[in-house]
Amino acid sequence: MNEERWHIIFTGRVQSVGFRCRSKYAADALSLRGWVQNLWDGSVEMEVQGLKEDIQSMISAIQTSSYIQIEDVISKQVPLENDSGFHIR
């Protein structure tokens, strides 16, 4: 199976609700690599790399929080990188 890397922007109620910590926990559990960070406009930016099914599982896990309300997701596939682990920026 081939790995993919995705650049994703999440909008909605995604800051100050544990989004980045939940992302890291899910990414670590699924052995995904990449990073997540808050943006100045209230959205969250992420790059995540791994198997497509695992990336989808990670996003589903993030959405299960009662505090996080994702309104929109903008994603595009980007070139693979040589990351080690998943980091909060």
PDB file of N, CA and C in Angstrom:
ATOM      1  N   MET A   1       0.842  -1.183   0.000  1.00  0.00           N
ATOM      2  CA  MET A   1       0.000   0.000   0.000  1.00  0.00           C
ATOM      3  C   MET A   1       0.887   1.246   0.000  1.00  0.00           C
ATOM      4  N   ASN A   2       0.446   2.245  -0.705  1.00  0.00           N
ATOM      5  CA  ASN A   2       1.237   3.464  -0.860  1.00  0.00           C
ATOM      6  C   ASN A   2       0.818   4.537   0.132  1.00  0.00           C
ATOM      7  N   GLU A   3       1.811   5.240   0.626  1.00  0.00           N
ATOM      8  CA  GLU A   3       1.540   6.372   1.498  1.00  0.00           C
ATOM      9  C   GLU A   3       1.147   7.586   0.676  1.00  0.00           C
ATOM     10  N   GLU A   4       0.399   8.468   1.318  1.00  0.00           N
ATOM     11  CA  GLU A   4       0.013   9.746   0.732  1.00  0.00           C
ATOM     12  C   GLU A   4       0.299  10.830   1.756  1.00  0.00           C
ATOM     13  N   ARG A   5       0.426  12.059   1.284  1.00  0.00           N
ATOM     14  CA  ARG A   5       0.570  13.209   2.172  1.00  0.00           C
ATOM     15  C   ARG A   5      -0.462  14.240   1.759  1.00  0.00           C
ATOM     16  N   TRP A   6      -1.177  14.762   2.743  1.00  0.00           N
ATOM     17  CA  TRP A   6      -2.238  15.723   2.488  1.00  0.00           C
ATOM     18  C   TRP A   6      -2.008  16.998   3.280  1.00  0.00           C
ATOM     19  N   HIS A   7      -2.247  18.122   2.627  1.00  0.00           N
ATOM     20  CA  HIS A   7      -2.274  19.434   3.269  1.00  0.00           C
ATOM     21  C   HIS A   7      -3.750  19.755   3.469  1.00  0.00           C
ATOM     22  N   ILE A   8      -4.139  20.036   4.719  1.00  0.00           N
ATOM     23  CA  ILE A   8      -5.558  20.194   5.045  1.00  0.00           C
ATOM     24  C   ILE A   8      -5.752  21.460   5.870  1.00  0.00           C
ATOM     25  N   ILE A   9      -6.790  22.218   5.532  1.00  0.00           N
ATOM     26  CA  ILE A   9      -7.216  23.374   6.321  1.00  0.00           C
ATOM     27  C   ILE A   9      -8.606  23.063   6.875  1.00  0.00           C
ATOM     28  N   PHE A  10      -8.756  23.180   8.190  1.00  0.00           N
ATOM     29  CA  PHE A  10     -10.038  22.964   8.858  1.00  0.00           C
ATOM     30  C   PHE A  10     -10.561  24.310   9.341  1.00  0.00           C
ATOM     31  N   THR A  11     -11.825  24.603   9.069  1.00  0.00           N
ATOM     32  CA  THR A  11     -12.451  25.813   9.590  1.00  0.00           C
ATOM     33  C   THR A  11     -13.653  25.418  10.437  1.00  0.00           C
ATOM     34  N   GLY A  12     -14.097  26.364  11.248  1.00  0.00           N
ATOM     35  CA  GLY A  12     -15.200  26.129  12.170  1.00  0.00           C
ATOM     36  C   GLY A  12     -14.718  26.424  13.580  1.00  0.00           C
ATOM     37  N   ARG A  13     -15.289  25.709  14.546  1.00  0.00           N
ATOM     38  CA  ARG A  13     -14.820  25.853  15.926  1.00  0.00           C
ATOM     39  C   ARG A  13     -13.689  24.837  16.115  1.00  0.00           C
ATOM     40  N   VAL A  14     -12.474  25.262  15.755  1.00  0.00           N
ATOM     41  CA  VAL A  14     -11.336  24.347  15.729  1.00  0.00           C
ATOM     42  C   VAL A  14     -10.140  24.841  16.548  1.00  0.00           C
ATOM     43  N   GLN A  15     -10.243  26.028  17.135  1.00  0.00           N
ATOM     44  CA  GLN A  15      -9.178  26.507  18.014  1.00  0.00           C
ATOM     45  C   GLN A  15      -9.717  26.622  19.433  1.00  0.00           C
ATOM     46  N   SER A  16      -8.833  26.391  20.405  1.00  0.00           N
ATOM     47  CA  SER A  16      -9.169  26.432  21.837  1.00  0.00           C
ATOM     48  C   SER A  16     -10.175  25.357  22.228  1.00  0.00           C
ATOM     49  N   VAL A  17     -10.183  24.254  21.496  1.00  0.00           N
ATOM     50  CA  VAL A  17     -11.100  23.142  21.793  1.00  0.00           C
ATOM     51  C   VAL A  17     -10.363  21.799  21.811  1.00  0.00           C
ATOM     52  N   GLY A  18      -9.037  21.816  21.827  1.00  0.00           N
ATOM     53  CA  GLY A  18      -8.254  20.590  21.874  1.00  0.00           C
ATOM     54  C   GLY A  18      -8.002  19.939  20.532  1.00  0.00           C
ATOM     55  N   PHE A  19      -8.219  20.675  19.450  1.00  0.00           N
ATOM     56  CA  PHE A  19      -8.072  20.110  18.108  1.00  0.00           C
ATOM     57  C   PHE A  19      -6.657  19.585  17.862  1.00  0.00           C
ATOM     58  N   ARG A  20      -5.654  20.382  18.177  1.00  0.00           N
ATOM     59  CA  ARG A  20      -4.275  19.965  17.892  1.00  0.00           C
ATOM     60  C   ARG A  20      -3.850  18.778  18.755  1.00  0.00           C
ATOM     61  N   CYS A  21      -4.226  18.788  20.028  1.00  0.00           N
ATOM     62  CA  CYS A  21      -3.886  17.654  20.906  1.00  0.00           C
ATOM     63  C   CYS A  21      -4.592  16.384  20.453  1.00  0.00           C
ATOM     64  N   ARG A  22      -5.846  16.503  20.083  1.00  0.00           N
ATOM     65  CA  ARG A  22      -6.596  15.341  19.595  1.00  0.00           C
ATOM     66  C   ARG A  22      -5.986  14.833  18.289  1.00  0.00           C
ATOM     67  N   SER A  23      -5.543  15.753  17.448  1.00  0.00           N
ATOM     68  CA  SER A  23      -4.889  15.371  16.196  1.00  0.00           C
ATOM     69  C   SER A  23      -3.619  14.581  16.469  1.00  0.00           C
ATOM     70  N   LYS A  24      -2.810  15.074  17.392  1.00  0.00           N
ATOM     71  CA  LYS A  24      -1.558  14.387  17.712  1.00  0.00           C
ATOM     72  C   LYS A  24      -1.828  13.009  18.292  1.00  0.00           C
ATOM     73  N   TYR A  25      -2.770  12.913  19.200  1.00  0.00           N
ATOM     74  CA  TYR A  25      -3.098  11.623  19.808  1.00  0.00           C
ATOM     75  C   TYR A  25      -3.530  10.617  18.744  1.00  0.00           C
ATOM     76  N   ALA A  26      -4.422  11.046  17.848  1.00  0.00           N
ATOM     77  CA  ALA A  26      -4.907  10.153  16.786  1.00  0.00           C
ATOM     78  C   ALA A  26      -3.782   9.794  15.820  1.00  0.00           C
ATOM     79  N   ALA A  27      -2.959  10.774  15.463  1.00  0.00           N
ATOM     80  CA  ALA A  27      -1.850  10.517  14.536  1.00  0.00           C
ATOM     81  C   ALA A  27      -0.854   9.531  15.139  1.00  0.00           C
ATOM     82  N   ASP A  28      -0.526   9.723  16.412  1.00  0.00           N
ATOM     83  CA  ASP A  28       0.412   8.813  17.072  1.00  0.00           C
ATOM     84  C   ASP A  28      -0.157   7.396  17.141  1.00  0.00           C
ATOM     85  N   ALA A  29      -1.441   7.276  17.432  1.00  0.00           N
ATOM     86  CA  ALA A  29      -2.078   5.959  17.526  1.00  0.00           C
ATOM     87  C   ALA A  29      -2.068   5.232  16.184  1.00  0.00           C
ATOM     88  N   LEU A  30      -2.093   5.993  15.088  1.00  0.00           N
ATOM     89  CA  LEU A  30      -2.141   5.409  13.743  1.00  0.00           C
ATOM     90  C   LEU A  30      -0.781   5.434  13.040  1.00  0.00           C
ATOM     91  N   SER A  31       0.258   5.847  13.755  1.00  0.00           N
ATOM     92  CA  SER A  31       1.624   5.938  13.211  1.00  0.00           C
ATOM     93  C   SER A  31       1.704   6.847  11.987  1.00  0.00           C
ATOM     94  N   LEU A  32       0.969   7.956  12.039  1.00  0.00           N
ATOM     95  CA  LEU A  32       1.017   8.946  10.968  1.00  0.00           C
ATOM     96  C   LEU A  32       2.104   9.964  11.278  1.00  0.00           C
ATOM     97  N   ARG A  33       2.559  10.659  10.255  1.00  0.00           N
ATOM     98  CA  ARG A  33       3.596  11.666  10.411  1.00  0.00           C
ATOM     99  C   ARG A  33       3.099  13.002   9.865  1.00  0.00           C
ATOM    100  N   GLY A  34       3.706  14.077  10.364  1.00  0.00           N
ATOM    101  CA  GLY A  34       3.348  15.399   9.873  1.00  0.00           C
ATOM    102  C   GLY A  34       3.292  16.417  10.988  1.00  0.00           C
ATOM    103  N   TRP A  35       2.390  17.379  10.844  1.00  0.00           N
ATOM    104  CA  TRP A  35       2.291  18.467  11.814  1.00  0.00           C
ATOM    105  C   TRP A  35       0.908  19.117  11.754  1.00  0.00           C
ATOM    106  N   VAL A  36       0.610  19.894  12.792  1.00  0.00           N
ATOM    107  CA  VAL A  36      -0.639  20.648  12.867  1.00  0.00           C
ATOM    108  C   VAL A  36      -0.342  21.976  13.557  1.00  0.00           C
ATOM    109  N   GLN A  37      -1.018  23.049  13.100  1.00  0.00           N
ATOM    110  CA  GLN A  37      -0.813  24.360  13.718  1.00  0.00           C
ATOM    111  C   GLN A  37      -2.051  25.228  13.560  1.00  0.00           C
ATOM    112  N   ASN A  38      -2.224  26.151  14.526  1.00  0.00           N
ATOM    113  CA  ASN A  38      -3.275  27.156  14.429  1.00  0.00           C
ATOM    114  C   ASN A  38      -2.850  28.237  13.446  1.00  0.00           C
ATOM    115  N   LEU A  39      -3.824  28.803  12.749  1.00  0.00           N
ATOM    116  CA  LEU A  39      -3.577  29.937  11.865  1.00  0.00           C
ATOM    117  C   LEU A  39      -4.229  31.185  12.445  1.00  0.00           C
ATOM    118  N   TRP A  40      -3.749  32.329  12.027  1.00  0.00           N
ATOM    119  CA  TRP A  40      -4.205  33.613  12.562  1.00  0.00           C
ATOM    120  C   TRP A  40      -5.683  33.862  12.336  1.00  0.00           C
ATOM    121  N   ASP A  41      -6.279  33.245  11.307  1.00  0.00           N
ATOM    122  CA  ASP A  41      -7.685  33.504  10.975  1.00  0.00           C
ATOM    123  C   ASP A  41      -8.662  32.601  11.726  1.00  0.00           C
ATOM    124  N   GLY A  42      -8.160  31.795  12.665  1.00  0.00           N
ATOM    125  CA  GLY A  42      -9.028  30.926  13.456  1.00  0.00           C
ATOM    126  C   GLY A  42      -9.148  29.515  12.913  1.00  0.00           C
ATOM    127  N   SER A  43      -8.522  29.247  11.788  1.00  0.00           N
ATOM    128  CA  SER A  43      -8.550  27.901  11.212  1.00  0.00           C
ATOM    129  C   SER A  43      -7.342  27.103  11.712  1.00  0.00           C
ATOM    130  N   VAL A  44      -7.308  25.833  11.356  1.00  0.00           N
ATOM    131  CA  VAL A  44      -6.188  24.958  11.707  1.00  0.00           C
ATOM    132  C   VAL A  44      -5.635  24.356  10.426  1.00  0.00           C
ATOM    133  N   GLU A  45      -4.311  24.369  10.309  1.00  0.00           N
ATOM    134  CA  GLU A  45      -3.618  23.818   9.150  1.00  0.00           C
ATOM    135  C   GLU A  45      -2.900  22.542   9.568  1.00  0.00           C
ATOM    136  N   MET A  46      -2.944  21.552   8.680  1.00  0.00           N
ATOM    137  CA  MET A  46      -2.310  20.273   8.976  1.00  0.00           C
ATOM    138  C   MET A  46      -1.679  19.703   7.715  1.00  0.00           C
ATOM    139  N   GLU A  47      -0.540  19.048   7.883  1.00  0.00           N
ATOM    140  CA  GLU A  47      -0.019  18.151   6.859  1.00  0.00           C
ATOM    141  C   GLU A  47       0.140  16.804   7.532  1.00  0.00           C
ATOM    142  N   VAL A  48      -0.415  15.786   6.900  1.00  0.00           N
ATOM    143  CA  VAL A  48      -0.388  14.450   7.483  1.00  0.00           C
ATOM    144  C   VAL A  48      -0.017  13.448   6.404  1.00  0.00           C
ATOM    145  N   GLN A  49       0.806  12.480   6.789  1.00  0.00           N
ATOM    146  CA  GLN A  49       1.324  11.500   5.840  1.00  0.00           C
ATOM    147  C   GLN A  49       1.148  10.099   6.402  1.00  0.00           C
ATOM    148  N   GLY A  50       0.679   9.202   5.536  1.00  0.00           N
ATOM    149  CA  GLY A  50       0.494   7.807   5.900  1.00  0.00           C
ATOM    150  C   GLY A  50      -0.437   7.152   4.906  1.00  0.00           C
ATOM    151  N   LEU A  51      -0.989   6.022   5.292  1.00  0.00           N
ATOM    152  CA  LEU A  51      -1.956   5.349   4.437  1.00  0.00           C
ATOM    153  C   LEU A  51      -3.258   6.139   4.407  1.00  0.00           C
ATOM    154  N   LYS A  52      -3.892   6.199   3.252  1.00  0.00           N
ATOM    155  CA  LYS A  52      -5.111   6.994   3.089  1.00  0.00           C
ATOM    156  C   LYS A  52      -6.178   6.599   4.102  1.00  0.00           C
ATOM    157  N   GLU A  53      -6.331   5.301   4.337  1.00  0.00           N
ATOM    158  CA  GLU A  53      -7.342   4.823   5.284  1.00  0.00           C
ATOM    159  C   GLU A  53      -7.045   5.323   6.697  1.00  0.00           C
ATOM    160  N   ASP A  54      -5.766   5.368   7.064  1.00  0.00           N
ATOM    161  CA  ASP A  54      -5.389   5.846   8.388  1.00  0.00           C
ATOM    162  C   ASP A  54      -5.616   7.349   8.519  1.00  0.00           C
ATOM    163  N   ILE A  55      -5.352   8.089   7.462  1.00  0.00           N
ATOM    164  CA  ILE A  55      -5.610   9.534   7.483  1.00  0.00           C
ATOM    165  C   ILE A  55      -7.100   9.790   7.654  1.00  0.00           C
ATOM    166  N   GLN A  56      -7.936   9.036   6.952  1.00  0.00           N
ATOM    167  CA  GLN A  56      -9.384   9.181   7.095  1.00  0.00           C
ATOM    168  C   GLN A  56      -9.834   8.820   8.507  1.00  0.00           C
ATOM    169  N   SER A  57      -9.234   7.780   9.084  1.00  0.00           N
ATOM    170  CA  SER A  57      -9.558   7.389  10.464  1.00  0.00           C
ATOM    171  C   SER A  57      -9.180   8.495  11.441  1.00  0.00           C
ATOM    172  N   MET A  58      -8.051   9.139  11.202  1.00  0.00           N
ATOM    173  CA  MET A  58      -7.614  10.233  12.061  1.00  0.00           C
ATOM    174  C   MET A  58      -8.620  11.379  12.034  1.00  0.00           C
ATOM    175  N   ILE A  59      -9.046  11.766  10.846  1.00  0.00           N
ATOM    176  CA  ILE A  59     -10.006  12.865  10.718  1.00  0.00           C
ATOM    177  C   ILE A  59     -11.323  12.497  11.389  1.00  0.00           C
ATOM    178  N   SER A  60     -11.755  11.268  11.246  1.00  0.00           N
ATOM    179  CA  SER A  60     -12.981  10.812  11.917  1.00  0.00           C
ATOM    180  C   SER A  60     -12.831  10.899  13.428  1.00  0.00           C
ATOM    181  N   ALA A  61     -11.666  10.520  13.949  1.00  0.00           N
ATOM    182  CA  ALA A  61     -11.425  10.581  15.391  1.00  0.00           C
ATOM    183  C   ALA A  61     -11.473  12.020  15.898  1.00  0.00           C
ATOM    184  N   ILE A  62     -10.934  12.946  15.126  1.00  0.00           N
ATOM    185  CA  ILE A  62     -10.962  14.358  15.518  1.00  0.00           C
ATOM    186  C   ILE A  62     -12.402  14.855  15.586  1.00  0.00           C
ATOM    187  N   GLN A  63     -13.225  14.435  14.647  1.00  0.00           N
ATOM    188  CA  GLN A  63     -14.604  14.916  14.565  1.00  0.00           C
ATOM    189  C   GLN A  63     -15.500  14.378  15.673  1.00  0.00           C
ATOM    190  N   THR A  64     -15.061  13.362  16.418  1.00  0.00           N
ATOM    191  CA  THR A  64     -15.918  12.783  17.455  1.00  0.00           C
ATOM    192  C   THR A  64     -15.974  13.625  18.721  1.00  0.00           C
ATOM    193  N   SER A  65     -15.106  14.610  18.859  1.00  0.00           N
ATOM    194  CA  SER A  65     -15.131  15.473  20.036  1.00  0.00           C
ATOM    195  C   SER A  65     -16.370  16.358  20.015  1.00  0.00           C
ATOM    196  N   SER A  66     -17.024  16.457  21.166  1.00  0.00           N
ATOM    197  CA  SER A  66     -18.224  17.298  21.230  1.00  0.00           C
ATOM    198  C   SER A  66     -17.876  18.785  21.187  1.00  0.00           C
ATOM    199  N   TYR A  67     -16.614  19.142  21.438  1.00  0.00           N
ATOM    200  CA  TYR A  67     -16.208  20.548  21.433  1.00  0.00           C
ATOM    201  C   TYR A  67     -15.785  21.035  20.053  1.00  0.00           C
ATOM    202  N   ILE A  68     -15.286  20.131  19.237  1.00  0.00           N
ATOM    203  CA  ILE A  68     -14.805  20.491  17.903  1.00  0.00           C
ATOM    204  C   ILE A  68     -15.964  20.458  16.919  1.00  0.00           C
ATOM    205  N   GLN A  69     -16.130  21.539  16.166  1.00  0.00           N
ATOM    206  CA  GLN A  69     -17.161  21.593  15.130  1.00  0.00           C
ATOM    207  C   GLN A  69     -16.505  22.041  13.828  1.00  0.00           C
ATOM    208  N   ILE A  70     -16.213  21.078  12.975  1.00  0.00           N
ATOM    209  CA  ILE A  70     -15.587  21.373  11.695  1.00  0.00           C
ATOM    210  C   ILE A  70     -16.673  21.783  10.707  1.00  0.00           C
ATOM    211  N   GLU A  71     -16.536  22.975  10.140  1.00  0.00           N
ATOM    212  CA  GLU A  71     -17.504  23.462   9.156  1.00  0.00           C
ATOM    213  C   GLU A  71     -17.058  23.182   7.731  1.00  0.00           C
ATOM    214  N   ASP A  72     -15.753  23.262   7.487  1.00  0.00           N
ATOM    215  CA  ASP A  72     -15.256  23.050   6.131  1.00  0.00           C
ATOM    216  C   ASP A  72     -13.859  22.447   6.187  1.00  0.00           C
ATOM    217  N   VAL A  73     -13.562  21.630   5.206  1.00  0.00           N
ATOM    218  CA  VAL A  73     -12.247  21.004   5.076  1.00  0.00           C
ATOM    219  C   VAL A  73     -11.770  21.236   3.649  1.00  0.00           C
ATOM    220  N   ILE A  74     -10.618  21.865   3.516  1.00  0.00           N
ATOM    221  CA  ILE A  74     -10.008  22.079   2.203  1.00  0.00           C
ATOM    222  C   ILE A  74      -8.722  21.264   2.186  1.00  0.00           C
ATOM    223  N   SER A  75      -8.633  20.325   1.267  1.00  0.00           N
ATOM    224  CA  SER A  75      -7.459  19.449   1.261  1.00  0.00           C
ATOM    225  C   SER A  75      -6.907  19.284  -0.144  1.00  0.00           C
ATOM    226  N   LYS A  76      -5.609  19.052  -0.188  1.00  0.00           N
ATOM    227  CA  LYS A  76      -4.962  18.731  -1.460  1.00  0.00           C
ATOM    228  C   LYS A  76      -3.791  17.802  -1.172  1.00  0.00           C
ATOM    229  N   GLN A  77      -3.542  16.919  -2.102  1.00  0.00           N
ATOM    230  CA  GLN A  77      -2.418  16.010  -1.957  1.00  0.00           C
ATOM    231  C   GLN A  77      -1.131  16.758  -2.291  1.00  0.00           C
ATOM    232  N   VAL A  78      -0.103  16.526  -1.489  1.00  0.00           N
ATOM    233  CA  VAL A  78       1.190  17.182  -1.668  1.00  0.00           C
ATOM    234  C   VAL A  78       2.285  16.113  -1.685  1.00  0.00           C
ATOM    235  N   PRO A  79       3.500  16.478  -2.115  1.00  0.00           N
ATOM    236  CA  PRO A  79       4.587  15.491  -2.164  1.00  0.00           C
ATOM    237  C   PRO A  79       4.936  14.933  -0.780  1.00  0.00           C
ATOM    238  N   LEU A  80       5.353  13.691  -0.752  1.00  0.00           N
ATOM    239  CA  LEU A  80       5.779  13.046   0.487  1.00  0.00           C
ATOM    240  C   LEU A  80       7.006  13.750   1.051  1.00  0.00           C
ATOM    241  N   GLU A  81       7.112  13.755   2.381  1.00  0.00           N
ATOM    242  CA  GLU A  81       8.277  14.314   3.059  1.00  0.00           C
ATOM    243  C   GLU A  81       8.838  13.272   4.009  1.00  0.00           C
ATOM    244  N   ASN A  82      10.030  13.522   4.485  1.00  0.00           N
ATOM    245  CA  ASN A  82      10.699  12.579   5.374  1.00  0.00           C
ATOM    246  C   ASN A  82      10.534  13.028   6.822  1.00  0.00           C
ATOM    247  N   ASP A  83       9.301  13.057   7.311  1.00  0.00           N
ATOM    248  CA  ASP A  83       9.018  13.446   8.692  1.00  0.00           C
ATOM    249  C   ASP A  83       9.270  12.278   9.629  1.00  0.00           C
ATOM    250  N   SER A  84       9.517  12.609  10.875  1.00  0.00           N
ATOM    251  CA  SER A  84       9.541  11.586  11.916  1.00  0.00           C
ATOM    252  C   SER A  84       8.538  12.009  12.976  1.00  0.00           C
ATOM    253  N   GLY A  85       7.475  11.269  13.108  1.00  0.00           N
ATOM    254  CA  GLY A  85       6.454  11.576  14.091  1.00  0.00           C
ATOM    255  C   GLY A  85       5.493  12.651  13.629  1.00  0.00           C
ATOM    256  N   PHE A  86       4.580  13.000  14.514  1.00  0.00           N
ATOM    257  CA  PHE A  86       3.579  14.026  14.255  1.00  0.00           C
ATOM    258  C   PHE A  86       3.751  15.090  15.327  1.00  0.00           C
ATOM    259  N   HIS A  87       3.820  16.352  14.917  1.00  0.00           N
ATOM    260  CA  HIS A  87       4.174  17.427  15.836  1.00  0.00           C
ATOM    261  C   HIS A  87       3.137  18.547  15.838  1.00  0.00           C
ATOM    262  N   ILE A  88       2.953  19.122  17.016  1.00  0.00           N
ATOM    263  CA  ILE A  88       2.145  20.332  17.152  1.00  0.00           C
ATOM    264  C   ILE A  88       3.091  21.508  17.008  1.00  0.00           C
ATOM    265  N   ARG A  89       2.753  22.421  16.107  1.00  0.00           N
ATOM    266  CA  ARG A  89       3.590  23.618  15.908  1.00  0.00           C
ATOM    267  C   ARG A  89       3.004  24.789  16.663  1.00  0.00           C
TER     268      ARG A  89
END
